[in-house]
């Protein structure tokens, strides 16, 4: 079951990356929407790890 879940997440990530590249090259409108969602999700995932600007060794 976990393998199916991880495979689905991997497929969504790869699909999102493909849409980002395709949208950058002037793809259809739906690729720009998916690309914007992918970039937003990446920022949301990365934001908690930023912390207070100090190194990760604290």
C-alpha atoms as a PDB file:
ATOM      1  CA  UNK A   1       0.000   0.000   0.000  1.00  0.00           C
ATOM      2  CA  UNK A   2       2.799   2.409   0.891  1.00  0.00           C
ATOM      3  CA  UNK A   3       4.495   1.621  -2.420  1.00  0.00           C
ATOM      4  CA  UNK A   4       1.368   2.674  -4.309  1.00  0.00           C
ATOM      5  CA  UNK A   5       1.154   5.909  -2.306  1.00  0.00           C
ATOM      6  CA  UNK A   6       4.819   6.759  -2.869  1.00  0.00           C
ATOM      7  CA  UNK A   7       4.489   5.957  -6.567  1.00  0.00           C
ATOM      8  CA  UNK A   8       1.516   8.308  -6.852  1.00  0.00           C
ATOM      9  CA  UNK A   9       3.421  11.101  -5.096  1.00  0.00           C
ATOM     10  CA  UNK A  10       6.419  10.554  -7.366  1.00  0.00           C
ATOM     11  CA  UNK A  11       4.177  10.657 -10.430  1.00  0.00           C
ATOM     12  CA  UNK A  12       2.630  13.948  -9.273  1.00  0.00           C
ATOM     13  CA  UNK A  13       6.053  15.485  -8.643  1.00  0.00           C
ATOM     14  CA  UNK A  14       7.419  14.437 -12.029  1.00  0.00           C
ATOM     15  CA  UNK A  15       4.253  15.625 -13.756  1.00  0.00           C
ATOM     16  CA  UNK A  16       4.479  18.972 -11.989  1.00  0.00           C
ATOM     17  CA  UNK A  17       8.100  19.406 -13.046  1.00  0.00           C
ATOM     18  CA  UNK A  18       7.201  18.583 -16.643  1.00  0.00           C
ATOM     19  CA  UNK A  19       4.447  21.201 -16.527  1.00  0.00           C
ATOM     20  CA  UNK A  20       6.863  23.827 -15.156  1.00  0.00           C
ATOM     21  CA  UNK A  21       9.259  23.239 -18.051  1.00  0.00           C
ATOM     22  CA  UNK A  22       6.458  23.095 -20.618  1.00  0.00           C
ATOM     23  CA  UNK A  23       4.855  26.288 -19.294  1.00  0.00           C
ATOM     24  CA  UNK A  24       8.218  28.065 -19.434  1.00  0.00           C
ATOM     25  CA  UNK A  25       8.359  27.176 -23.119  1.00  0.00           C
ATOM     26  CA  UNK A  26       4.900  28.643 -23.738  1.00  0.00           C
ATOM     27  CA  UNK A  27       2.621  25.667 -23.265  1.00  0.00           C
ATOM     28  CA  UNK A  28      -1.166  25.749 -23.002  1.00  0.00           C
ATOM     29  CA  UNK A  29      -2.965  27.560 -20.202  1.00  0.00           C
ATOM     30  CA  UNK A  30      -3.543  24.466 -18.083  1.00  0.00           C
ATOM     31  CA  UNK A  31       0.214  23.829 -17.907  1.00  0.00           C
ATOM     32  CA  UNK A  32       0.730  27.333 -16.550  1.00  0.00           C
ATOM     33  CA  UNK A  33      -1.900  26.686 -13.874  1.00  0.00           C
ATOM     34  CA  UNK A  34      -0.327  23.368 -12.891  1.00  0.00           C
ATOM     35  CA  UNK A  35       3.149  24.938 -12.956  1.00  0.00           C
ATOM     36  CA  UNK A  36       2.040  27.747 -10.663  1.00  0.00           C
ATOM     37  CA  UNK A  37       0.551  25.199  -8.261  1.00  0.00           C
ATOM     38  CA  UNK A  38       3.721  23.131  -8.362  1.00  0.00           C
ATOM     39  CA  UNK A  39       5.934  26.134  -7.625  1.00  0.00           C
ATOM     40  CA  UNK A  40       3.621  27.233  -4.812  1.00  0.00           C
ATOM     41  CA  UNK A  41       3.676  23.752  -3.272  1.00  0.00           C
ATOM     42  CA  UNK A  42       7.467  23.762  -3.467  1.00  0.00           C
ATOM     43  CA  UNK A  43       7.626  27.082  -1.637  1.00  0.00           C
ATOM     44  CA  UNK A  44       5.243  25.819   1.050  1.00  0.00           C
ATOM     45  CA  UNK A  45       7.291  22.667   1.571  1.00  0.00           C
ATOM     46  CA  UNK A  46      10.541  24.613   1.700  1.00  0.00           C
ATOM     47  CA  UNK A  47       9.294  27.441   3.962  1.00  0.00           C
ATOM     48  CA  UNK A  48       9.283  25.597   7.339  1.00  0.00           C
ATOM     49  CA  UNK A  49      12.905  24.550   6.816  1.00  0.00           C
ATOM     50  CA  UNK A  50      14.098  28.130   6.527  1.00  0.00           C
ATOM     51  CA  UNK A  51      13.794  28.724  10.264  1.00  0.00           C
ATOM     52  CA  UNK A  52      15.267  31.888  11.728  1.00  0.00           C
ATOM     53  CA  UNK A  53      18.153  32.199   9.276  1.00  0.00           C
ATOM     54  CA  UNK A  54      20.647  30.292  11.398  1.00  0.00           C
ATOM     55  CA  UNK A  55      22.395  27.137  10.320  1.00  0.00           C
ATOM     56  CA  UNK A  56      20.862  23.699  10.635  1.00  0.00           C
ATOM     57  CA  UNK A  57      23.369  22.632  13.304  1.00  0.00           C
ATOM     58  CA  UNK A  58      21.433  24.194  16.217  1.00  0.00           C
END
